[in-house]
mmCIF file of all heavy atoms, coordinates in Angstrom:
data_MODEL
# 
_entry.id   MODEL 
# 
loop_
_atom_site.group_PDB 
_atom_site.id 
_atom_site.type_symbol 
_atom_site.label_atom_id 
_atom_site.label_alt_id 
_atom_site.label_comp_id 
_atom_site.label_asym_id 
_atom_site.label_entity_id 
_atom_site.label_seq_id 
_atom_site.pdbx_PDB_ins_code 
_atom_site.Cartn_x 
_atom_site.Cartn_y 
_atom_site.Cartn_z 
_atom_site.occupancy 
_atom_site.B_iso_or_equiv 
_atom_site.pdbx_formal_charge 
_atom_site.auth_seq_id 
_atom_site.auth_comp_id 
_atom_site.auth_asym_id 
_atom_site.auth_atom_id 
_atom_site.pdbx_PDB_model_num 
ATOM 1   N N   . ASN A 1 1  ? -5.091 18.421 3.995   1.00 0.00 ? 1  ASN A N   1 
ATOM 2   C CA  . ASN A 1 1  ? -6.069 18.699 5.228   1.00 0.00 ? 1  ASN A CA  1 
ATOM 3   C C   . ASN A 1 1  ? -5.232 18.755 6.426   1.00 0.00 ? 1  ASN A C   1 
ATOM 4   O O   . ASN A 1 1  ? -5.173 17.815 7.197   1.00 0.00 ? 1  ASN A O   1 
ATOM 5   C CB  . ASN A 1 1  ? -7.182 17.676 5.209   1.00 0.00 ? 1  ASN A CB  1 
ATOM 6   C CG  . ASN A 1 1  ? -8.314 18.069 6.005   1.00 0.00 ? 1  ASN A CG  1 
ATOM 7   O OD1 . ASN A 1 1  ? -8.350 19.291 6.290   1.00 0.00 ? 1  ASN A OD1 1 
ATOM 8   N ND2 . ASN A 1 1  ? -9.304 17.269 6.136   1.00 0.00 ? 1  ASN A ND2 1 
ATOM 9   N N   . GLY A 1 2  ? -4.460 19.814 6.513   1.00 0.00 ? 2  GLY A N   1 
ATOM 10  C CA  . GLY A 1 2  ? -3.535 19.864 7.810   1.00 0.00 ? 2  GLY A CA  1 
ATOM 11  C C   . GLY A 1 2  ? -2.070 19.696 7.276   1.00 0.00 ? 2  GLY A C   1 
ATOM 12  O O   . GLY A 1 2  ? -1.739 18.423 6.990   1.00 0.00 ? 2  GLY A O   1 
ATOM 13  N N   . ALA A 1 3  ? -1.330 20.724 7.059   1.00 0.00 ? 3  ALA A N   1 
ATOM 14  C CA  . ALA A 1 3  ? 0.078  20.533 6.506   1.00 0.00 ? 3  ALA A CA  1 
ATOM 15  C C   . ALA A 1 3  ? 0.972  19.885 7.619   1.00 0.00 ? 3  ALA A C   1 
ATOM 16  O O   . ALA A 1 3  ? 0.621  19.943 8.905   1.00 0.00 ? 3  ALA A O   1 
ATOM 17  C CB  . ALA A 1 3  ? 0.609  21.947 6.191   1.00 0.00 ? 3  ALA A CB  1 
ATOM 18  N N   . ASP A 1 4  ? 1.981  19.227 7.266   1.00 0.00 ? 4  ASP A N   1 
ATOM 19  C CA  . ASP A 1 4  ? 3.003  18.649 8.105   1.00 0.00 ? 4  ASP A CA  1 
ATOM 20  C C   . ASP A 1 4  ? 4.084  19.665 8.510   1.00 0.00 ? 4  ASP A C   1 
ATOM 21  O O   . ASP A 1 4  ? 5.079  19.741 7.700   1.00 0.00 ? 4  ASP A O   1 
ATOM 22  C CB  . ASP A 1 4  ? 3.596  17.467 7.389   1.00 0.00 ? 4  ASP A CB  1 
ATOM 23  C CG  . ASP A 1 4  ? 4.518  16.657 8.248   1.00 0.00 ? 4  ASP A CG  1 
ATOM 24  O OD1 . ASP A 1 4  ? 4.734  17.068 9.341   1.00 0.00 ? 4  ASP A OD1 1 
ATOM 25  O OD2 . ASP A 1 4  ? 5.078  15.666 7.686   1.00 0.00 ? 4  ASP A OD2 1 
ATOM 26  N N   . TYR A 1 5  ? 3.851  20.463 9.549   1.00 0.00 ? 5  TYR A N   1 
ATOM 27  C CA  . TYR A 1 5  ? 4.801  21.419 10.008  1.00 0.00 ? 5  TYR A CA  1 
ATOM 28  C C   . TYR A 1 5  ? 5.935  20.758 10.696  1.00 0.00 ? 5  TYR A C   1 
ATOM 29  O O   . TYR A 1 5  ? 5.679  20.037 11.611  1.00 0.00 ? 5  TYR A O   1 
ATOM 30  C CB  . TYR A 1 5  ? 4.098  22.594 10.872  1.00 0.00 ? 5  TYR A CB  1 
ATOM 31  C CG  . TYR A 1 5  ? 3.118  23.422 9.868   1.00 0.00 ? 5  TYR A CG  1 
ATOM 32  C CD1 . TYR A 1 5  ? 1.825  22.855 10.021  1.00 0.00 ? 5  TYR A CD1 1 
ATOM 33  C CD2 . TYR A 1 5  ? 3.519  24.410 9.305   1.00 0.00 ? 5  TYR A CD2 1 
ATOM 34  C CE1 . TYR A 1 5  ? 0.768  23.711 9.370   1.00 0.00 ? 5  TYR A CE1 1 
ATOM 35  C CE2 . TYR A 1 5  ? 2.523  25.091 8.520   1.00 0.00 ? 5  TYR A CE2 1 
ATOM 36  C CZ  . TYR A 1 5  ? 1.335  24.801 8.568   1.00 0.00 ? 5  TYR A CZ  1 
ATOM 37  O OH  . TYR A 1 5  ? 0.274  25.570 7.903   1.00 0.00 ? 5  TYR A OH  1 
ATOM 38  N N   . ARG A 1 6  ? 7.245  21.049 10.342  1.00 0.00 ? 6  ARG A N   1 
ATOM 39  C CA  . ARG A 1 6  ? 8.339  20.496 10.987  1.00 0.00 ? 6  ARG A CA  1 
ATOM 40  C C   . ARG A 1 6  ? 9.388  21.592 11.343  1.00 0.00 ? 6  ARG A C   1 
ATOM 41  O O   . ARG A 1 6  ? 9.164  22.781 10.967  1.00 0.00 ? 6  ARG A O   1 
ATOM 42  C CB  . ARG A 1 6  ? 8.971  19.461 10.151  1.00 0.00 ? 6  ARG A CB  1 
ATOM 43  C CG  . ARG A 1 6  ? 8.131  18.266 9.849   1.00 0.00 ? 6  ARG A CG  1 
ATOM 44  C CD  . ARG A 1 6  ? 8.821  17.208 9.153   1.00 0.00 ? 6  ARG A CD  1 
ATOM 45  N NE  . ARG A 1 6  ? 7.910  16.046 8.695   1.00 0.00 ? 6  ARG A NE  1 
ATOM 46  C CZ  . ARG A 1 6  ? 8.268  15.115 8.074   1.00 0.00 ? 6  ARG A CZ  1 
ATOM 47  N NH1 . ARG A 1 6  ? 9.356  14.980 7.545   1.00 0.00 ? 6  ARG A NH1 1 
ATOM 48  N NH2 . ARG A 1 6  ? 7.357  14.065 7.782   1.00 0.00 ? 6  ARG A NH2 1 
ATOM 49  N N   . MET A 1 7  ? 10.423 21.199 11.985  1.00 0.00 ? 7  MET A N   1 
ATOM 50  C CA  . MET A 1 7  ? 11.486 22.117 12.430  1.00 0.00 ? 7  MET A CA  1 
ATOM 51  C C   . MET A 1 7  ? 11.009 23.324 13.152  1.00 0.00 ? 7  MET A C   1 
ATOM 52  O O   . MET A 1 7  ? 11.222 24.400 12.809  1.00 0.00 ? 7  MET A O   1 
ATOM 53  C CB  . MET A 1 7  ? 12.274 22.594 11.146  1.00 0.00 ? 7  MET A CB  1 
ATOM 54  C CG  . MET A 1 7  ? 12.988 21.376 10.566  1.00 0.00 ? 7  MET A CG  1 
ATOM 55  S SD  . MET A 1 7  ? 13.930 21.976 9.070   1.00 0.00 ? 7  MET A SD  1 
ATOM 56  C CE  . MET A 1 7  ? 14.394 20.499 8.357   1.00 0.00 ? 7  MET A CE  1 
ATOM 57  N N   . LYS A 1 8  ? 10.229 22.895 14.248  1.00 0.00 ? 8  LYS A N   1 
ATOM 58  C CA  . LYS A 1 8  ? 9.654  23.956 15.065  1.00 0.00 ? 8  LYS A CA  1 
ATOM 59  C C   . LYS A 1 8  ? 8.761  24.901 14.399  1.00 0.00 ? 8  LYS A C   1 
ATOM 60  O O   . LYS A 1 8  ? 8.608  26.062 14.579  1.00 0.00 ? 8  LYS A O   1 
ATOM 61  C CB  . LYS A 1 8  ? 10.746 24.696 15.934  1.00 0.00 ? 8  LYS A CB  1 
ATOM 62  C CG  . LYS A 1 8  ? 11.527 23.814 16.815  1.00 0.00 ? 8  LYS A CG  1 
ATOM 63  C CD  . LYS A 1 8  ? 12.487 24.525 17.650  1.00 0.00 ? 8  LYS A CD  1 
ATOM 64  C CE  . LYS A 1 8  ? 13.182 23.625 18.435  1.00 0.00 ? 8  LYS A CE  1 
ATOM 65  N NZ  . LYS A 1 8  ? 14.223 24.372 19.248  1.00 0.00 ? 8  LYS A NZ  1 
ATOM 66  N N   . GLY A 1 9  ? 7.953  24.326 13.352  1.00 0.00 ? 9  GLY A N   1 
ATOM 67  C CA  . GLY A 1 9  ? 6.993  25.156 12.633  1.00 0.00 ? 9  GLY A CA  1 
ATOM 68  C C   . GLY A 1 9  ? 7.526  25.996 11.524  1.00 0.00 ? 9  GLY A C   1 
ATOM 69  O O   . GLY A 1 9  ? 6.921  26.753 10.977  1.00 0.00 ? 9  GLY A O   1 
ATOM 70  N N   . LYS A 1 10 ? 8.907  25.832 11.182  1.00 0.00 ? 10 LYS A N   1 
ATOM 71  C CA  . LYS A 1 10 ? 9.561  26.762 10.160  1.00 0.00 ? 10 LYS A CA  1 
ATOM 72  C C   . LYS A 1 10 ? 9.349  26.154 8.766   1.00 0.00 ? 10 LYS A C   1 
ATOM 73  O O   . LYS A 1 10 ? 9.607  26.935 7.806   1.00 0.00 ? 10 LYS A O   1 
ATOM 74  C CB  . LYS A 1 10 ? 11.124 26.782 10.494  1.00 0.00 ? 10 LYS A CB  1 
ATOM 75  C CG  . LYS A 1 10 ? 11.088 27.606 11.956  1.00 0.00 ? 10 LYS A CG  1 
ATOM 76  C CD  . LYS A 1 10 ? 12.724 27.879 12.094  1.00 0.00 ? 10 LYS A CD  1 
ATOM 77  C CE  . LYS A 1 10 ? 12.662 28.670 13.365  1.00 0.00 ? 10 LYS A CE  1 
ATOM 78  N NZ  . LYS A 1 10 ? 14.240 29.005 13.808  1.00 0.00 ? 10 LYS A NZ  1 
ATOM 79  N N   . VAL A 1 11 ? 9.113  24.919 8.557   1.00 0.00 ? 11 VAL A N   1 
ATOM 80  C CA  . VAL A 1 11 ? 8.831  24.450 7.256   1.00 0.00 ? 11 VAL A CA  1 
ATOM 81  C C   . VAL A 1 11 ? 7.614  23.574 7.120   1.00 0.00 ? 11 VAL A C   1 
ATOM 82  O O   . VAL A 1 11 ? 7.094  22.914 8.190   1.00 0.00 ? 11 VAL A O   1 
ATOM 83  C CB  . VAL A 1 11 ? 10.079 23.555 6.827   1.00 0.00 ? 11 VAL A CB  1 
ATOM 84  C CG1 . VAL A 1 11 ? 11.324 24.342 6.717   1.00 0.00 ? 11 VAL A CG1 1 
ATOM 85  C CG2 . VAL A 1 11 ? 10.250 22.303 7.670   1.00 0.00 ? 11 VAL A CG2 1 
ATOM 86  N N   . VAL A 1 12 ? 7.080  23.421 5.956   1.00 0.00 ? 12 VAL A N   1 
ATOM 87  C CA  . VAL A 1 12 ? 6.027  22.377 5.678   1.00 0.00 ? 12 VAL A CA  1 
ATOM 88  C C   . VAL A 1 12 ? 6.753  21.283 4.890   1.00 0.00 ? 12 VAL A C   1 
ATOM 89  O O   . VAL A 1 12 ? 7.414  21.545 3.968   1.00 0.00 ? 12 VAL A O   1 
ATOM 90  C CB  . VAL A 1 12 ? 4.868  23.051 4.881   1.00 0.00 ? 12 VAL A CB  1 
ATOM 91  C CG1 . VAL A 1 12 ? 3.993  22.043 4.317   1.00 0.00 ? 12 VAL A CG1 1 
ATOM 92  C CG2 . VAL A 1 12 ? 4.163  24.010 5.648   1.00 0.00 ? 12 VAL A CG2 1 
ATOM 93  N N   . ALA A 1 13 ? 6.506  20.101 5.460   1.00 0.00 ? 13 ALA A N   1 
ATOM 94  C CA  . ALA A 1 13 ? 7.048  18.930 4.723   1.00 0.00 ? 13 ALA A CA  1 
ATOM 95  C C   . ALA A 1 13 ? 6.018  18.304 3.775   1.00 0.00 ? 13 ALA A C   1 
ATOM 96  O O   . ALA A 1 13 ? 4.885  18.249 4.135   1.00 0.00 ? 13 ALA A O   1 
ATOM 97  C CB  . ALA A 1 13 ? 7.528  17.804 5.679   1.00 0.00 ? 13 ALA A CB  1 
ATOM 98  N N   . PHE A 1 14 ? 6.574  17.978 2.585   1.00 0.00 ? 14 PHE A N   1 
ATOM 99  C CA  . PHE A 1 14 ? 5.628  17.404 1.509   1.00 0.00 ? 14 PHE A CA  1 
ATOM 100 C C   . PHE A 1 14 ? 6.460  16.429 0.715   1.00 0.00 ? 14 PHE A C   1 
ATOM 101 O O   . PHE A 1 14 ? 7.503  16.678 0.330   1.00 0.00 ? 14 PHE A O   1 
ATOM 102 C CB  . PHE A 1 14 ? 5.028  18.484 0.578   1.00 0.00 ? 14 PHE A CB  1 
ATOM 103 C CG  . PHE A 1 14 ? 3.890  17.872 -0.106  1.00 0.00 ? 14 PHE A CG  1 
ATOM 104 C CD1 . PHE A 1 14 ? 2.615  17.793 0.288   1.00 0.00 ? 14 PHE A CD1 1 
ATOM 105 C CD2 . PHE A 1 14 ? 4.222  17.395 -1.494  1.00 0.00 ? 14 PHE A CD2 1 
ATOM 106 C CE1 . PHE A 1 14 ? 1.611  17.218 -0.509  1.00 0.00 ? 14 PHE A CE1 1 
ATOM 107 C CE2 . PHE A 1 14 ? 3.159  16.928 -2.314  1.00 0.00 ? 14 PHE A CE2 1 
ATOM 108 C CZ  . PHE A 1 14 ? 1.911  16.897 -1.803  1.00 0.00 ? 14 PHE A CZ  1 
ATOM 109 N N   . GLU A 1 15 ? 5.859  15.127 0.700   1.00 0.00 ? 15 GLU A N   1 
ATOM 110 C CA  . GLU A 1 15 ? 6.523  14.115 0.030   1.00 0.00 ? 15 GLU A CA  1 
ATOM 111 C C   . GLU A 1 15 ? 5.963  13.848 -1.366  1.00 0.00 ? 15 GLU A C   1 
ATOM 112 O O   . GLU A 1 15 ? 4.872  13.873 -1.695  1.00 0.00 ? 15 GLU A O   1 
ATOM 113 C CB  . GLU A 1 15 ? 6.326  12.729 0.879   1.00 0.00 ? 15 GLU A CB  1 
ATOM 114 C CG  . GLU A 1 15 ? 7.050  11.533 0.322   1.00 0.00 ? 15 GLU A CG  1 
ATOM 115 C CD  . GLU A 1 15 ? 6.847  10.269 1.148   1.00 0.00 ? 15 GLU A CD  1 
ATOM 116 O OE1 . GLU A 1 15 ? 6.707  10.481 2.401   1.00 0.00 ? 15 GLU A OE1 1 
ATOM 117 O OE2 . GLU A 1 15 ? 6.858  9.244  0.618   1.00 0.00 ? 15 GLU A OE2 1 
ATOM 118 N N   . LEU A 1 16 ? 6.992  13.634 -2.277  1.00 0.00 ? 16 LEU A N   1 
ATOM 119 C CA  . LEU A 1 16 ? 6.701  13.351 -3.760  1.00 0.00 ? 16 LEU A CA  1 
ATOM 120 C C   . LEU A 1 16 ? 7.487  12.155 -4.112  1.00 0.00 ? 16 LEU A C   1 
ATOM 121 O O   . LEU A 1 16 ? 8.552  11.976 -3.816  1.00 0.00 ? 16 LEU A O   1 
ATOM 122 C CB  . LEU A 1 16 ? 6.993  14.597 -4.653  1.00 0.00 ? 16 LEU A CB  1 
ATOM 123 C CG  . LEU A 1 16 ? 6.093  15.760 -4.670  1.00 0.00 ? 16 LEU A CG  1 
ATOM 124 C CD1 . LEU A 1 16 ? 6.632  16.829 -5.657  1.00 0.00 ? 16 LEU A CD1 1 
ATOM 125 C CD2 . LEU A 1 16 ? 4.653  15.304 -5.164  1.00 0.00 ? 16 LEU A CD2 1 
ATOM 126 N N   . GLU A 1 17 ? 6.760  11.472 -5.087  1.00 0.00 ? 17 GLU A N   1 
ATOM 127 C CA  . GLU A 1 17 ? 7.426  10.163 -5.589  1.00 0.00 ? 17 GLU A CA  1 
ATOM 128 C C   . GLU A 1 17 ? 8.578  10.549 -6.541  1.00 0.00 ? 17 GLU A C   1 
ATOM 129 O O   . GLU A 1 17 ? 8.529  11.609 -7.216  1.00 0.00 ? 17 GLU A O   1 
ATOM 130 C CB  . GLU A 1 17 ? 6.431  9.315  -6.395  1.00 0.00 ? 17 GLU A CB  1 
ATOM 131 C CG  . GLU A 1 17 ? 5.374  8.715  -5.423  1.00 0.00 ? 17 GLU A CG  1 
ATOM 132 C CD  . GLU A 1 17 ? 4.423  7.880  -6.218  1.00 0.00 ? 17 GLU A CD  1 
ATOM 133 O OE1 . GLU A 1 17 ? 4.711  7.619  -7.466  1.00 0.00 ? 17 GLU A OE1 1 
ATOM 134 O OE2 . GLU A 1 17 ? 3.315  7.708  -5.846  1.00 0.00 ? 17 GLU A OE2 1 
ATOM 135 N N   . LEU A 1 18 ? 9.592  9.810  -6.642  1.00 0.00 ? 18 LEU A N   1 
ATOM 136 C CA  . LEU A 1 18 ? 10.735 9.988  -7.417  1.00 0.00 ? 18 LEU A CA  1 
ATOM 137 C C   . LEU A 1 18 ? 10.328 10.340 -8.904  1.00 0.00 ? 18 LEU A C   1 
ATOM 138 O O   . LEU A 1 18 ? 10.971 11.126 -9.600  1.00 0.00 ? 18 LEU A O   1 
ATOM 139 C CB  . LEU A 1 18 ? 11.783 8.923  -7.288  1.00 0.00 ? 18 LEU A CB  1 
ATOM 140 C CG  . LEU A 1 18 ? 13.055 9.009  -8.200  1.00 0.00 ? 18 LEU A CG  1 
ATOM 141 C CD1 . LEU A 1 18 ? 13.945 10.148 -7.738  1.00 0.00 ? 18 LEU A CD1 1 
ATOM 142 C CD2 . LEU A 1 18 ? 13.780 7.691  -8.204  1.00 0.00 ? 18 LEU A CD2 1 
ATOM 143 N N   . ARG A 1 19 ? 9.429  9.612  -9.446  1.00 0.00 ? 19 ARG A N   1 
ATOM 144 C CA  . ARG A 1 19 ? 9.060  9.708  -10.893 1.00 0.00 ? 19 ARG A CA  1 
ATOM 145 C C   . ARG A 1 19 ? 8.511  11.110 -11.133 1.00 0.00 ? 19 ARG A C   1 
ATOM 146 O O   . ARG A 1 19 ? 8.787  11.671 -12.227 1.00 0.00 ? 19 ARG A O   1 
ATOM 147 C CB  . ARG A 1 19 ? 8.041  8.682  -11.286 1.00 0.00 ? 19 ARG A CB  1 
ATOM 148 C CG  . ARG A 1 19 ? 6.630  8.675  -10.512 1.00 0.00 ? 19 ARG A CG  1 
ATOM 149 C CD  . ARG A 1 19 ? 5.834  7.529  -10.882 1.00 0.00 ? 19 ARG A CD  1 
ATOM 150 N NE  . ARG A 1 19 ? 4.452  7.477  -10.239 1.00 0.00 ? 19 ARG A NE  1 
ATOM 151 C CZ  . ARG A 1 19 ? 3.422  7.858  -10.800 1.00 0.00 ? 19 ARG A CZ  1 
ATOM 152 N NH1 . ARG A 1 19 ? 3.439  8.244  -12.129 1.00 0.00 ? 19 ARG A NH1 1 
ATOM 153 N NH2 . ARG A 1 19 ? 2.305  7.857  -10.060 1.00 0.00 ? 19 ARG A NH2 1 
ATOM 154 N N   . HIS A 1 20 ? 7.840  11.676 -10.223 1.00 0.00 ? 20 HIS A N   1 
ATOM 155 C CA  . HIS A 1 20 ? 7.388  13.013 -10.280 1.00 0.00 ? 20 HIS A CA  1 
ATOM 156 C C   . HIS A 1 20 ? 8.530  14.098 -10.160 1.00 0.00 ? 20 HIS A C   1 
ATOM 157 O O   . HIS A 1 20 ? 8.562  15.013 -11.138 1.00 0.00 ? 20 HIS A O   1 
ATOM 158 C CB  . HIS A 1 20 ? 6.247  13.520 -9.370  1.00 0.00 ? 20 HIS A CB  1 
ATOM 159 C CG  . HIS A 1 20 ? 5.025  12.604 -9.380  1.00 0.00 ? 20 HIS A CG  1 
ATOM 160 N ND1 . HIS A 1 20 ? 4.296  12.612 -10.628 1.00 0.00 ? 20 HIS A ND1 1 
ATOM 161 C CD2 . HIS A 1 20 ? 4.426  11.691 -8.545  1.00 0.00 ? 20 HIS A CD2 1 
ATOM 162 C CE1 . HIS A 1 20 ? 3.196  11.656 -10.320 1.00 0.00 ? 20 HIS A CE1 1 
ATOM 163 N NE2 . HIS A 1 20 ? 3.301  11.136 -9.081  1.00 0.00 ? 20 HIS A NE2 1 
ATOM 164 N N   . LEU A 1 21 ? 9.395  13.929 -9.281  1.00 0.00 ? 21 LEU A N   1 
ATOM 165 C CA  . LEU A 1 21 ? 10.521 14.765 -9.143  1.00 0.00 ? 21 LEU A CA  1 
ATOM 166 C C   . LEU A 1 21 ? 11.382 14.706 -10.286 1.00 0.00 ? 21 LEU A C   1 
ATOM 167 O O   . LEU A 1 21 ? 11.823 15.692 -10.780 1.00 0.00 ? 21 LEU A O   1 
ATOM 168 C CB  . LEU A 1 21 ? 11.331 14.371 -7.935  1.00 0.00 ? 21 LEU A CB  1 
ATOM 169 C CG  . LEU A 1 21 ? 10.580 14.636 -6.513  1.00 0.00 ? 21 LEU A CG  1 
ATOM 170 C CD1 . LEU A 1 21 ? 11.381 13.975 -5.286  1.00 0.00 ? 21 LEU A CD1 1 
ATOM 171 C CD2 . LEU A 1 21 ? 10.272 15.954 -6.335  1.00 0.00 ? 21 LEU A CD2 1 
ATOM 172 N N   . THR A 1 22 ? 11.728 13.530 -10.866 1.00 0.00 ? 22 THR A N   1 
ATOM 173 C CA  . THR A 1 22 ? 12.623 13.387 -12.039 1.00 0.00 ? 22 THR A CA  1 
ATOM 174 C C   . THR A 1 22 ? 11.987 14.076 -13.254 1.00 0.00 ? 22 THR A C   1 
ATOM 175 O O   . THR A 1 22 ? 12.572 14.689 -14.064 1.00 0.00 ? 22 THR A O   1 
ATOM 176 C CB  . THR A 1 22 ? 13.094 12.007 -12.290 1.00 0.00 ? 22 THR A CB  1 
ATOM 177 O OG1 . THR A 1 22 ? 11.973 11.131 -12.422 1.00 0.00 ? 22 THR A OG1 1 
ATOM 178 C CG2 . THR A 1 22 ? 13.963 11.528 -11.224 1.00 0.00 ? 22 THR A CG2 1 
ATOM 179 N N   . TYR A 1 23 ? 10.578 13.834 -13.365 1.00 0.00 ? 23 TYR A N   1 
ATOM 180 C CA  . TYR A 1 23 ? 9.907  14.610 -14.506 1.00 0.00 ? 23 TYR A CA  1 
ATOM 181 C C   . TYR A 1 23 ? 9.966  16.053 -14.407 1.00 0.00 ? 23 TYR A C   1 
ATOM 182 O O   . TYR A 1 23 ? 10.353 16.671 -15.346 1.00 0.00 ? 23 TYR A O   1 
ATOM 183 C CB  . TYR A 1 23 ? 8.409  14.214 -14.548 1.00 0.00 ? 23 TYR A CB  1 
ATOM 184 C CG  . TYR A 1 23 ? 7.606  14.891 -15.418 1.00 0.00 ? 23 TYR A CG  1 
ATOM 185 C CD1 . TYR A 1 23 ? 7.648  14.672 -16.829 1.00 0.00 ? 23 TYR A CD1 1 
ATOM 186 C CD2 . TYR A 1 23 ? 6.642  15.868 -14.909 1.00 0.00 ? 23 TYR A CD2 1 
ATOM 187 C CE1 . TYR A 1 23 ? 6.790  15.334 -17.763 1.00 0.00 ? 23 TYR A CE1 1 
ATOM 188 C CE2 . TYR A 1 23 ? 5.822  16.485 -15.810 1.00 0.00 ? 23 TYR A CE2 1 
ATOM 189 C CZ  . TYR A 1 23 ? 5.888  16.282 -17.140 1.00 0.00 ? 23 TYR A CZ  1 
ATOM 190 O OH  . TYR A 1 23 ? 5.095  17.102 -17.995 1.00 0.00 ? 23 TYR A OH  1 
ATOM 191 N N   . PHE A 1 24 ? 9.741  16.527 -13.216 1.00 0.00 ? 24 PHE A N   1 
ATOM 192 C CA  . PHE A 1 24 ? 9.721  18.069 -13.084 1.00 0.00 ? 24 PHE A CA  1 
ATOM 193 C C   . PHE A 1 24 ? 11.106 18.521 -13.273 1.00 0.00 ? 24 PHE A C   1 
ATOM 194 O O   . PHE A 1 24 ? 11.348 19.731 -13.934 1.00 0.00 ? 24 PHE A O   1 
ATOM 195 C CB  . PHE A 1 24 ? 9.159  18.586 -11.639 1.00 0.00 ? 24 PHE A CB  1 
ATOM 196 C CG  . PHE A 1 24 ? 7.781  18.261 -11.429 1.00 0.00 ? 24 PHE A CG  1 
ATOM 197 C CD1 . PHE A 1 24 ? 7.195  17.779 -10.420 1.00 0.00 ? 24 PHE A CD1 1 
ATOM 198 C CD2 . PHE A 1 24 ? 6.806  18.570 -12.566 1.00 0.00 ? 24 PHE A CD2 1 
ATOM 199 C CE1 . PHE A 1 24 ? 5.876  17.568 -10.090 1.00 0.00 ? 24 PHE A CE1 1 
ATOM 200 C CE2 . PHE A 1 24 ? 5.495  18.513 -12.398 1.00 0.00 ? 24 PHE A CE2 1 
ATOM 201 C CZ  . PHE A 1 24 ? 5.018  17.889 -11.207 1.00 0.00 ? 24 PHE A CZ  1 
ATOM 202 N N   . CYS A 1 25 ? 12.153 17.885 -12.826 1.00 0.00 ? 25 CYS A N   1 
ATOM 203 C CA  . CYS A 1 25 ? 13.536 18.346 -12.751 1.00 0.00 ? 25 CYS A CA  1 
ATOM 204 C C   . CYS A 1 25 ? 14.304 18.169 -14.218 1.00 0.00 ? 25 CYS A C   1 
ATOM 205 O O   . CYS A 1 25 ? 14.925 19.015 -14.654 1.00 0.00 ? 25 CYS A O   1 
ATOM 206 C CB  . CYS A 1 25 ? 14.338 17.574 -11.731 1.00 0.00 ? 25 CYS A CB  1 
ATOM 207 S SG  . CYS A 1 25 ? 15.915 18.328 -11.428 1.00 0.00 ? 25 CYS A SG  1 
ATOM 208 N N   . ASP A 1 26 ? 14.000 16.997 -14.727 1.00 0.00 ? 26 ASP A N   1 
ATOM 209 C CA  . ASP A 1 26 ? 14.703 16.564 -16.008 1.00 0.00 ? 26 ASP A CA  1 
ATOM 210 C C   . ASP A 1 26 ? 13.989 16.753 -17.303 1.00 0.00 ? 26 ASP A C   1 
ATOM 211 O O   . ASP A 1 26 ? 14.580 17.052 -18.298 1.00 0.00 ? 26 ASP A O   1 
ATOM 212 C CB  . ASP A 1 26 ? 15.106 15.222 -16.004 1.00 0.00 ? 26 ASP A CB  1 
ATOM 213 C CG  . ASP A 1 26 ? 15.946 14.817 -14.798 1.00 0.00 ? 26 ASP A CG  1 
ATOM 214 O OD1 . ASP A 1 26 ? 16.637 15.757 -14.245 1.00 0.00 ? 26 ASP A OD1 1 
ATOM 215 O OD2 . ASP A 1 26 ? 15.978 13.527 -14.399 1.00 0.00 ? 26 ASP A OD2 1 
ATOM 216 N N   . GLU A 1 27 ? 12.632 16.815 -17.304 1.00 0.00 ? 27 GLU A N   1 
ATOM 217 C CA  . GLU A 1 27 ? 11.785 16.866 -18.505 1.00 0.00 ? 27 GLU A CA  1 
ATOM 218 C C   . GLU A 1 27 ? 11.222 18.274 -18.813 1.00 0.00 ? 27 GLU A C   1 
ATOM 219 O O   . GLU A 1 27 ? 11.075 18.741 -19.948 1.00 0.00 ? 27 GLU A O   1 
ATOM 220 C CB  . GLU A 1 27 ? 10.723 15.824 -18.528 1.00 0.00 ? 27 GLU A CB  1 
ATOM 221 C CG  . GLU A 1 27 ? 11.180 14.310 -18.350 1.00 0.00 ? 27 GLU A CG  1 
ATOM 222 C CD  . GLU A 1 27 ? 12.227 13.806 -19.421 1.00 0.00 ? 27 GLU A CD  1 
ATOM 223 O OE1 . GLU A 1 27 ? 12.010 14.335 -20.576 1.00 0.00 ? 27 GLU A OE1 1 
ATOM 224 O OE2 . GLU A 1 27 ? 13.186 13.108 -19.129 1.00 0.00 ? 27 GLU A OE2 1 
ATOM 225 N N   . VAL A 1 28 ? 10.677 18.749 -17.754 1.00 0.00 ? 28 VAL A N   1 
ATOM 226 C CA  . VAL A 1 28 ? 10.019 20.128 -17.878 1.00 0.00 ? 28 VAL A CA  1 
ATOM 227 C C   . VAL A 1 28 ? 11.023 21.205 -18.227 1.00 0.00 ? 28 VAL A C   1 
ATOM 228 O O   . VAL A 1 28 ? 11.903 21.327 -17.201 1.00 0.00 ? 28 VAL A O   1 
ATOM 229 C CB  . VAL A 1 28 ? 9.041  20.376 -16.762 1.00 0.00 ? 28 VAL A CB  1 
ATOM 230 C CG1 . VAL A 1 28 ? 8.350  21.657 -16.811 1.00 0.00 ? 28 VAL A CG1 1 
ATOM 231 C CG2 . VAL A 1 28 ? 8.044  19.226 -16.555 1.00 0.00 ? 28 VAL A CG2 1 
ATOM 232 N N   . LYS A 1 29 ? 10.829 21.853 -19.158 1.00 0.00 ? 29 LYS A N   1 
ATOM 233 C CA  . LYS A 1 29 ? 11.862 22.971 -19.440 1.00 0.00 ? 29 LYS A CA  1 
ATOM 234 C C   . LYS A 1 29 ? 11.636 24.359 -18.726 1.00 0.00 ? 29 LYS A C   1 
ATOM 235 O O   . LYS A 1 29 ? 12.398 25.189 -18.648 1.00 0.00 ? 29 LYS A O   1 
ATOM 236 C CB  . LYS A 1 29 ? 12.044 23.255 -20.880 1.00 0.00 ? 29 LYS A CB  1 
ATOM 237 C CG  . LYS A 1 29 ? 12.465 21.890 -21.548 1.00 0.00 ? 29 LYS A CG  1 
ATOM 238 C CD  . LYS A 1 29 ? 13.631 21.351 -21.196 1.00 0.00 ? 29 LYS A CD  1 
ATOM 239 C CE  . LYS A 1 29 ? 14.084 20.040 -21.875 1.00 0.00 ? 29 LYS A CE  1 
ATOM 240 N NZ  . LYS A 1 29 ? 14.886 19.095 -21.055 1.00 0.00 ? 29 LYS A NZ  1 
# 
């Protein structure tokens, strides 16, 4: 509900927990 725009509006910042990142990166083929 309202993205976190950063770097003068050039990116949207979104935080994910490490367990989700490692799952997506290491487990999902």
